[in-house]
Amino acid sequence: MRLILLPEGPDGLRLGALVIEPKPGWITYWKEPGDVGIPPAITPAPGAPYTVEDLGFPIPKVMESGEITDVGYDEPVTLPLTLKNAPDSMGVTLNAFVGVCQNICIPFQADLRVPPDEAGVSNPVEAALVRSARAQVPPGPAPDFHVVAHELSADRKELTIRLKMPTSGEAPKAFVRGPSGHVFVEATTSQGAEGETLLTLPIGKLPKKYDVSGKEWGLLVVSGGRAMETKLAFD
């Protein structure tokens, strides 16, 4: 792994990226890893005044291995990040913690440091890499690509999502992040009465006594060359 950090912008934020480069044959994980695995996490050194405002993820893959479903990346991946309260004059140390997996899954952790940069001048290659990484993060809803409605069945065994979305010759792929440790990717597609796309996902066993009221689940939908990521709020 390596950490890239650009100089402070006019808004006081510093853009950067965590570059994860597993050896061939190894995988690493999305923000919700599937049946096994560890999602990437990046945190400031203890007592540091700066904070990680966001950590972005490109579109993952679903990878089946026997009865195990992994959600992540089977090649090097770059996760864009944003730091707050980290001026150029300050050295930055971030702890990166990821899981990598081949036949077994191994946690990997490192403290990554970027020294002070009094000049505040971007390296063009690093700046281009950060721009590219940010461009790979799925955008939020758009007028032609958004959730119309969603509903979890009374027995909590099926989630239905009504979408307005662009037409594509391919069936859309859905990634739903439920409670921590739960991701649902087996979506069935059908057409709604008003022309919407209906995604129906079987919901596996939720945590005992889990109350969905007031919770938010994450949704990523990929259709052709488009993607959209949003939240599903439950009353």
C-alpha atoms as a PDB file:
ATOM      1  CA  MET A   1       0.000   0.000   0.000  1.00  0.00           C
ATOM      2  CA  ARG A   2       1.039   3.604  -0.442  1.00  0.00           C
ATOM      3  CA  LEU A   3      -0.493   6.946   0.434  1.00  0.00           C
ATOM      4  CA  ILE A   4      -0.684   9.905  -1.940  1.00  0.00           C
ATOM      5  CA  LEU A   5      -1.585  13.330  -0.557  1.00  0.00           C
ATOM      6  CA  LEU A   6      -1.914  16.493  -2.646  1.00  0.00           C
ATOM      7  CA  PRO A   7      -1.378  20.040  -1.337  1.00  0.00           C
ATOM      8  CA  GLU A   8      -4.197  21.847   0.460  1.00  0.00           C
ATOM      9  CA  GLY A   9      -6.899  23.248  -1.804  1.00  0.00           C
ATOM     10  CA  PRO A  10      -8.666  26.641  -1.593  1.00  0.00           C
ATOM     11  CA  ASP A  11     -11.371  25.012   0.547  1.00  0.00           C
ATOM     12  CA  GLY A  12      -8.816  23.911   3.143  1.00  0.00           C
ATOM     13  CA  LEU A  13      -9.175  20.232   2.243  1.00  0.00           C
ATOM     14  CA  ARG A  14      -6.441  17.907   1.005  1.00  0.00           C
ATOM     15  CA  LEU A  15      -7.267  15.299  -1.601  1.00  0.00           C
ATOM     16  CA  GLY A  16      -5.360  12.074  -1.728  1.00  0.00           C
ATOM     17  CA  ALA A  17      -5.602   8.349  -2.339  1.00  0.00           C
ATOM     18  CA  LEU A  18      -4.772   5.002  -0.796  1.00  0.00           C
ATOM     19  CA  VAL A  19      -3.204   2.750  -3.432  1.00  0.00           C
ATOM     20  CA  ILE A  20      -3.626  -0.976  -2.698  1.00  0.00           C
ATOM     21  CA  GLU A  21      -1.570  -3.315  -4.863  1.00  0.00           C
ATOM     22  CA  PRO A  22      -1.995  -6.982  -3.908  1.00  0.00           C
ATOM     23  CA  LYS A  23       0.120  -9.606  -5.632  1.00  0.00           C
ATOM     24  CA  PRO A  24      -1.481 -11.420  -8.622  1.00  0.00           C
ATOM     25  CA  GLY A  25      -4.026 -13.983  -7.476  1.00  0.00           C
ATOM     26  CA  TRP A  26      -4.925 -12.059  -4.323  1.00  0.00           C
ATOM     27  CA  ILE A  27      -8.037  -9.944  -3.807  1.00  0.00           C
ATOM     28  CA  THR A  28      -9.012  -7.105  -1.525  1.00  0.00           C
ATOM     29  CA  TYR A  29     -12.408  -5.833  -0.505  1.00  0.00           C
ATOM     30  CA  TRP A  30     -15.145  -3.247  -1.034  1.00  0.00           C
ATOM     31  CA  LYS A  31     -16.710  -1.268   1.808  1.00  0.00           C
ATOM     32  CA  GLU A  32     -18.841  -4.356   2.595  1.00  0.00           C
ATOM     33  CA  PRO A  33     -16.761  -7.443   1.796  1.00  0.00           C
ATOM     34  CA  GLY A  34     -19.311 -10.252   1.486  1.00  0.00           C
ATOM     35  CA  ASP A  35     -19.245 -13.538   3.367  1.00  0.00           C
ATOM     36  CA  VAL A  36     -15.675 -13.145   4.615  1.00  0.00           C
ATOM     37  CA  GLY A  37     -12.974 -10.492   4.451  1.00  0.00           C
ATOM     38  CA  ILE A  38     -12.191  -7.121   5.949  1.00  0.00           C
ATOM     39  CA  PRO A  39     -13.296  -3.790   4.474  1.00  0.00           C
ATOM     40  CA  PRO A  40     -10.560  -1.172   4.049  1.00  0.00           C
ATOM     41  CA  ALA A  41     -10.291   1.417   6.813  1.00  0.00           C
ATOM     42  CA  ILE A  42      -8.007   4.410   7.097  1.00  0.00           C
ATOM     43  CA  THR A  43      -7.688   6.437  10.310  1.00  0.00           C
ATOM     44  CA  PRO A  44      -5.480   9.294  11.518  1.00  0.00           C
ATOM     45  CA  ALA A  45      -2.675   8.686  13.995  1.00  0.00           C
ATOM     46  CA  PRO A  46      -3.901   8.929  17.624  1.00  0.00           C
ATOM     47  CA  GLY A  47      -4.220  12.552  18.722  1.00  0.00           C
ATOM     48  CA  ALA A  48      -3.829  13.953  15.203  1.00  0.00           C
ATOM     49  CA  PRO A  49      -5.804  17.175  14.536  1.00  0.00           C
ATOM     50  CA  TYR A  50      -6.797  16.098  11.026  1.00  0.00           C
ATOM     51  CA  THR A  51      -9.711  13.861  10.069  1.00  0.00           C
ATOM     52  CA  VAL A  52     -10.564  11.631   7.119  1.00  0.00           C
ATOM     53  CA  GLU A  53     -13.691  13.258   5.700  1.00  0.00           C
ATOM     54  CA  ASP A  54     -14.428  10.546   3.150  1.00  0.00           C
ATOM     55  CA  LEU A  55     -13.016   7.425   1.538  1.00  0.00           C
ATOM     56  CA  GLY A  56     -14.302   6.542  -1.929  1.00  0.00           C
ATOM     57  CA  PHE A  57     -14.652   3.153  -3.588  1.00  0.00           C
ATOM     58  CA  PRO A  58     -14.863   2.302  -7.306  1.00  0.00           C
ATOM     59  CA  ILE A  59     -17.383  -0.245  -8.568  1.00  0.00           C
ATOM     60  CA  PRO A  60     -16.510  -3.664  -7.109  1.00  0.00           C
ATOM     61  CA  LYS A  61     -16.855  -7.169  -8.519  1.00  0.00           C
ATOM     62  CA  VAL A  62     -18.811 -10.120  -7.147  1.00  0.00           C
ATOM     63  CA  MET A  63     -16.440 -13.071  -6.913  1.00  0.00           C
ATOM     64  CA  GLU A  64     -17.729 -16.560  -6.173  1.00  0.00           C
ATOM     65  CA  SER A  65     -15.499 -19.215  -4.621  1.00  0.00           C
ATOM     66  CA  GLY A  66     -17.502 -22.344  -3.863  1.00  0.00           C
ATOM     67  CA  GLU A  67     -20.200 -21.277  -1.435  1.00  0.00           C
ATOM     68  CA  ILE A  68     -18.360 -18.071  -0.508  1.00  0.00           C
ATOM     69  CA  THR A  69     -19.277 -14.734  -2.101  1.00  0.00           C
ATOM     70  CA  ASP A  70     -16.678 -11.962  -2.004  1.00  0.00           C
ATOM     71  CA  VAL A  71     -17.312  -8.359  -3.029  1.00  0.00           C
ATOM     72  CA  GLY A  72     -14.174  -6.460  -3.908  1.00  0.00           C
ATOM     73  CA  TYR A  73     -11.293  -6.182  -6.339  1.00  0.00           C
ATOM     74  CA  ASP A  74      -9.064  -8.792  -7.962  1.00  0.00           C
ATOM     75  CA  GLU A  75      -6.500  -6.276  -9.201  1.00  0.00           C
ATOM     76  CA  PRO A  76      -4.800  -3.146  -7.812  1.00  0.00           C
ATOM     77  CA  VAL A  77      -7.280  -0.505  -6.664  1.00  0.00           C
ATOM     78  CA  THR A  78      -6.981   3.158  -5.705  1.00  0.00           C
ATOM     79  CA  LEU A  79      -9.339   4.605  -3.066  1.00  0.00           C
ATOM     80  CA  PRO A  80      -9.617   8.409  -3.134  1.00  0.00           C
ATOM     81  CA  LEU A  81      -9.791  10.195   0.200  1.00  0.00           C
ATOM     82  CA  THR A  82     -10.219  13.684   1.617  1.00  0.00           C
ATOM     83  CA  LEU A  83      -8.490  15.091   4.703  1.00  0.00           C
ATOM     84  CA  LYS A  84      -9.599  18.059   6.785  1.00  0.00           C
ATOM     85  CA  ASN A  85      -7.360  20.203   9.031  1.00  0.00           C
ATOM     86  CA  ALA A  86      -4.139  18.898   7.477  1.00  0.00           C
ATOM     87  CA  PRO A  87      -2.216  21.962   6.249  1.00  0.00           C
ATOM     88  CA  ASP A  88       0.773  21.516   3.948  1.00  0.00           C
ATOM     89  CA  SER A  89       3.124  22.451   6.799  1.00  0.00           C
ATOM     90  CA  MET A  90       2.020  19.398   8.795  1.00  0.00           C
ATOM     91  CA  GLY A  91       3.261  15.854   8.310  1.00  0.00           C
ATOM     92  CA  VAL A  92       0.423  13.340   8.021  1.00  0.00           C
ATOM     93  CA  THR A  93       0.335   9.784   9.326  1.00  0.00           C
ATOM     94  CA  LEU A  94      -2.613   7.545   8.491  1.00  0.00           C
ATOM     95  CA  ASN A  95      -3.148   3.972   9.600  1.00  0.00           C
ATOM     96  CA  ALA A  96      -4.412   1.811   6.724  1.00  0.00           C
ATOM     97  CA  PHE A  97      -6.026  -1.532   7.534  1.00  0.00           C
ATOM     98  CA  VAL A  98      -7.170  -3.871   4.766  1.00  0.00           C
ATOM     99  CA  GLY A  99      -7.874  -7.534   4.215  1.00  0.00           C
ATOM    100  CA  VAL A 100      -6.259  -9.482   1.394  1.00  0.00           C
ATOM    101  CA  CYS A 101      -7.348 -12.979   0.444  1.00  0.00           C
ATOM    102  CA  GLN A 102      -6.238 -15.898  -1.685  1.00  0.00           C
ATOM    103  CA  ASN A 103      -6.876 -19.284  -0.110  1.00  0.00           C
ATOM    104  CA  ILE A 104      -6.975 -17.608   3.285  1.00  0.00           C
ATOM    105  CA  CYS A 105      -7.753 -14.056   4.337  1.00  0.00           C
ATOM    106  CA  ILE A 106      -5.044 -12.013   6.012  1.00  0.00           C
ATOM    107  CA  PRO A 107      -5.374  -8.617   7.710  1.00  0.00           C
ATOM    108  CA  PHE A 108      -2.707  -6.157   6.558  1.00  0.00           C
ATOM    109  CA  GLN A 109      -1.944  -2.953   8.437  1.00  0.00           C
ATOM    110  CA  ALA A 110       0.566  -0.139   7.992  1.00  0.00           C
ATOM    111  CA  ASP A 111       1.179   3.395   9.183  1.00  0.00           C
ATOM    112  CA  LEU A 112       1.657   5.507   6.065  1.00  0.00           C
ATOM    113  CA  ARG A 113       3.339   8.902   6.393  1.00  0.00           C
ATOM    114  CA  VAL A 114       3.516  11.922   4.110  1.00  0.00           C
ATOM    115  CA  PRO A 115       6.059  14.554   5.230  1.00  0.00           C
ATOM    116  CA  PRO A 116       5.327  18.299   5.387  1.00  0.00           C
ATOM    117  CA  ASP A 117       5.167  20.026   2.020  1.00  0.00           C
ATOM    118  CA  GLU A 118       6.018  23.678   2.636  1.00  0.00           C
ATOM    119  CA  ALA A 119       6.128  24.422  -1.112  1.00  0.00           C
ATOM    120  CA  GLY A 120       2.577  23.129  -1.639  1.00  0.00           C
ATOM    121  CA  VAL A 121       3.294  22.013  -5.212  1.00  0.00           C
ATOM    122  CA  SER A 122       1.476  19.008  -6.684  1.00  0.00           C
ATOM    123  CA  ASN A 123       3.308  16.177  -8.374  1.00  0.00           C
ATOM    124  CA  PRO A 124       1.560  16.009 -11.789  1.00  0.00           C
ATOM    125  CA  VAL A 125       1.606  12.208 -11.881  1.00  0.00           C
ATOM    126  CA  GLU A 126       0.119  11.937  -8.391  1.00  0.00           C
ATOM    127  CA  ALA A 127      -2.475  14.626  -9.143  1.00  0.00           C
ATOM    128  CA  ALA A 128      -3.568  12.733 -12.266  1.00  0.00           C
ATOM    129  CA  LEU A 129      -3.825   9.479 -10.299  1.00  0.00           C
ATOM    130  CA  VAL A 130      -6.031  11.124  -7.663  1.00  0.00           C
ATOM    131  CA  ARG A 131      -8.251  12.674 -10.352  1.00  0.00           C
ATOM    132  CA  SER A 132      -8.616   9.294 -12.043  1.00  0.00           C
ATOM    133  CA  ALA A 133      -9.472   7.586  -8.744  1.00  0.00           C
ATOM    134  CA  ARG A 134     -12.151  10.164  -7.930  1.00  0.00           C
ATOM    135  CA  ALA A 135     -13.649   9.758 -11.394  1.00  0.00           C
ATOM    136  CA  GLN A 136     -14.097   6.017 -10.734  1.00  0.00           C
ATOM    137  CA  VAL A 137     -16.311   6.565  -7.664  1.00  0.00           C
ATOM    138  CA  PRO A 138     -19.998   6.114  -8.600  1.00  0.00           C
ATOM    139  CA  PRO A 139     -21.980   9.370  -8.503  1.00  0.00           C
ATOM    140  CA  GLY A 140     -25.182   9.978  -6.581  1.00  0.00           C
ATOM    141  CA  PRO A 141     -28.728   9.986  -8.000  1.00  0.00           C
ATOM    142  CA  ALA A 142     -29.554  11.853 -11.220  1.00  0.00           C
ATOM    143  CA  PRO A 143     -32.887  12.855 -12.805  1.00  0.00           C
ATOM    144  CA  ASP A 144     -32.689   9.842 -15.136  1.00  0.00           C
ATOM    145  CA  PHE A 145     -31.191   7.439 -12.587  1.00  0.00           C
ATOM    146  CA  HIS A 146     -32.660   7.362  -9.082  1.00  0.00           C
ATOM    147  CA  VAL A 147     -34.718   5.349  -6.605  1.00  0.00           C
ATOM    148  CA  VAL A 148     -38.466   5.930  -6.882  1.00  0.00           C
ATOM    149  CA  ALA A 149     -39.417   3.787  -3.889  1.00  0.00           C
ATOM    150  CA  HIS A 150     -38.208   0.813  -1.873  1.00  0.00           C
ATOM    151  CA  GLU A 151     -39.858  -1.643   0.483  1.00  0.00           C
ATOM    152  CA  LEU A 152     -38.771  -4.459   2.757  1.00  0.00           C
ATOM    153  CA  SER A 153     -41.373  -7.217   2.983  1.00  0.00           C
ATOM    154  CA  ALA A 154     -43.167  -7.773   6.278  1.00  0.00           C
ATOM    155  CA  ASP A 155     -41.269 -11.023   6.867  1.00  0.00           C
ATOM    156  CA  ARG A 156     -37.971  -9.195   6.107  1.00  0.00           C
ATOM    157  CA  LYS A 157     -37.071 -11.777   3.466  1.00  0.00           C
ATOM    158  CA  GLU A 158     -37.331  -9.659   0.315  1.00  0.00           C
ATOM    159  CA  LEU A 159     -36.344  -6.126  -0.664  1.00  0.00           C
ATOM    160  CA  THR A 160     -38.014  -4.446  -3.646  1.00  0.00           C
ATOM    161  CA  ILE A 161     -36.513  -1.321  -5.203  1.00  0.00           C
ATOM    162  CA  ARG A 162     -38.299   0.749  -7.872  1.00  0.00           C
ATOM    163  CA  LEU A 163     -35.866   2.640 -10.074  1.00  0.00           C
ATOM    164  CA  LYS A 164     -35.971   5.178 -12.826  1.00  0.00           C
ATOM    165  CA  MET A 165     -32.887   4.352 -14.813  1.00  0.00           C
ATOM    166  CA  PRO A 166     -31.413   4.541 -18.326  1.00  0.00           C
ATOM    167  CA  THR A 167     -32.171   1.657 -20.643  1.00  0.00           C
ATOM    168  CA  SER A 168     -29.374  -0.801 -21.255  1.00  0.00           C
ATOM    169  CA  GLY A 169     -29.022  -4.082 -23.048  1.00  0.00           C
ATOM    170  CA  GLU A 170     -27.611  -5.604 -19.874  1.00  0.00           C
ATOM    171  CA  ALA A 171     -29.429  -6.524 -16.678  1.00  0.00           C
ATOM    172  CA  PRO A 172     -28.481  -4.071 -13.928  1.00  0.00           C
ATOM    173  CA  LYS A 173     -26.245  -5.197 -11.089  1.00  0.00           C
ATOM    174  CA  ALA A 174     -27.170  -4.213  -7.550  1.00  0.00           C
ATOM    175  CA  PHE A 175     -25.121  -4.106  -4.365  1.00  0.00           C
ATOM    176  CA  VAL A 176     -27.143  -3.485  -1.204  1.00  0.00           C
ATOM    177  CA  ARG A 177     -25.302  -2.903   2.073  1.00  0.00           C
ATOM    178  CA  GLY A 178     -27.537  -3.805   4.988  1.00  0.00           C
ATOM    179  CA  PRO A 179     -26.478  -4.133   8.612  1.00  0.00           C
ATOM    180  CA  SER A 180     -22.727  -4.332   9.166  1.00  0.00           C
ATOM    181  CA  GLY A 181     -21.500  -7.636   7.756  1.00  0.00           C
ATOM    182  CA  HIS A 182     -24.396  -8.037   5.325  1.00  0.00           C
ATOM    183  CA  VAL A 183     -24.340  -7.373   1.575  1.00  0.00           C
ATOM    184  CA  PHE A 184     -27.014  -8.505  -0.898  1.00  0.00           C
ATOM    185  CA  VAL A 185     -26.165  -8.893  -4.592  1.00  0.00           C
ATOM    186  CA  GLU A 186     -28.622 -11.428  -6.036  1.00  0.00           C
ATOM    187  CA  ALA A 187     -31.112  -9.127  -7.749  1.00  0.00           C
ATOM    188  CA  THR A 188     -33.956 -10.195 -10.043  1.00  0.00           C
ATOM    189  CA  THR A 189     -35.023  -7.580 -12.600  1.00  0.00           C
ATOM    190  CA  SER A 190     -38.558  -6.936 -13.848  1.00  0.00           C
ATOM    191  CA  GLN A 191     -40.596  -4.088 -15.338  1.00  0.00           C
ATOM    192  CA  GLY A 192     -42.922  -1.963 -13.218  1.00  0.00           C
ATOM    193  CA  ALA A 193     -46.427  -0.882 -14.211  1.00  0.00           C
ATOM    194  CA  GLU A 194     -45.272   2.694 -14.869  1.00  0.00           C
ATOM    195  CA  GLY A 195     -42.149   1.765 -16.793  1.00  0.00           C
ATOM    196  CA  GLU A 196     -39.808   1.677 -13.831  1.00  0.00           C
ATOM    197  CA  THR A 197     -37.246  -1.044 -13.308  1.00  0.00           C
ATOM    198  CA  LEU A 198     -37.976  -3.287 -10.333  1.00  0.00           C
ATOM    199  CA  LEU A 199     -35.110  -4.939  -8.504  1.00  0.00           C
ATOM    200  CA  THR A 200     -36.051  -7.741  -6.116  1.00  0.00           C
ATOM    201  CA  LEU A 201     -33.402  -9.058  -3.757  1.00  0.00           C
ATOM    202  CA  PRO A 202     -33.738 -11.968  -1.332  1.00  0.00           C
ATOM    203  CA  ILE A 203     -32.589 -10.921   2.105  1.00  0.00           C
ATOM    204  CA  GLY A 204     -30.653 -13.467   4.088  1.00  0.00           C
ATOM    205  CA  LYS A 205     -30.897 -13.864   7.808  1.00  0.00           C
ATOM    206  CA  LEU A 206     -30.629 -10.492   9.517  1.00  0.00           C
ATOM    207  CA  PRO A 207     -29.173 -10.074  13.017  1.00  0.00           C
ATOM    208  CA  LYS A 208     -31.423 -11.297  15.802  1.00  0.00           C
ATOM    209  CA  LYS A 209     -33.831  -8.583  17.002  1.00  0.00           C
ATOM    210  CA  TYR A 210     -32.591  -6.239  14.275  1.00  0.00           C
ATOM    211  CA  ASP A 211     -35.037  -3.344  13.832  1.00  0.00           C
ATOM    212  CA  VAL A 212     -34.831  -1.757  10.395  1.00  0.00           C
ATOM    213  CA  SER A 213     -36.871   1.304  11.448  1.00  0.00           C
ATOM    214  CA  GLY A 214     -34.785   4.457  11.289  1.00  0.00           C
ATOM    215  CA  LYS A 215     -31.894   2.671   9.582  1.00  0.00           C
ATOM    216  CA  GLU A 216     -30.203   3.466   6.276  1.00  0.00           C
ATOM    217  CA  TRP A 217     -28.858   0.843   3.889  1.00  0.00           C
ATOM    218  CA  GLY A 218     -26.475   1.575   1.039  1.00  0.00           C
ATOM    219  CA  LEU A 219     -27.339   0.928  -2.601  1.00  0.00           C
ATOM    220  CA  LEU A 220     -25.102   0.781  -5.657  1.00  0.00           C
ATOM    221  CA  VAL A 221     -26.667   0.043  -9.060  1.00  0.00           C
ATOM    222  CA  VAL A 222     -24.617  -0.507 -12.210  1.00  0.00           C
ATOM    223  CA  SER A 223     -26.298  -0.460 -15.608  1.00  0.00           C
ATOM    224  CA  GLY A 224     -24.281  -0.570 -18.805  1.00  0.00           C
ATOM    225  CA  GLY A 225     -21.795   2.289 -18.644  1.00  0.00           C
ATOM    226  CA  ARG A 226     -23.623   4.081 -15.807  1.00  0.00           C
ATOM    227  CA  ALA A 227     -23.607   3.669 -12.039  1.00  0.00           C
ATOM    228  CA  MET A 228     -25.453   5.320  -9.169  1.00  0.00           C
ATOM    229  CA  GLU A 229     -24.939   5.118  -5.406  1.00  0.00           C
ATOM    230  CA  THR A 230     -27.382   6.276  -2.757  1.00  0.00           C
ATOM    231  CA  LYS A 231     -28.991   5.476   0.596  1.00  0.00           C
ATOM    232  CA  LEU A 232     -32.209   3.584   1.307  1.00  0.00           C
ATOM    233  CA  ALA A 233     -33.889   5.058   4.397  1.00  0.00           C
ATOM    234  CA  PHE A 234     -36.438   2.993   6.322  1.00  0.00           C
ATOM    235  CA  ASP A 235     -39.214   4.606   8.372  1.00  0.00           C
END
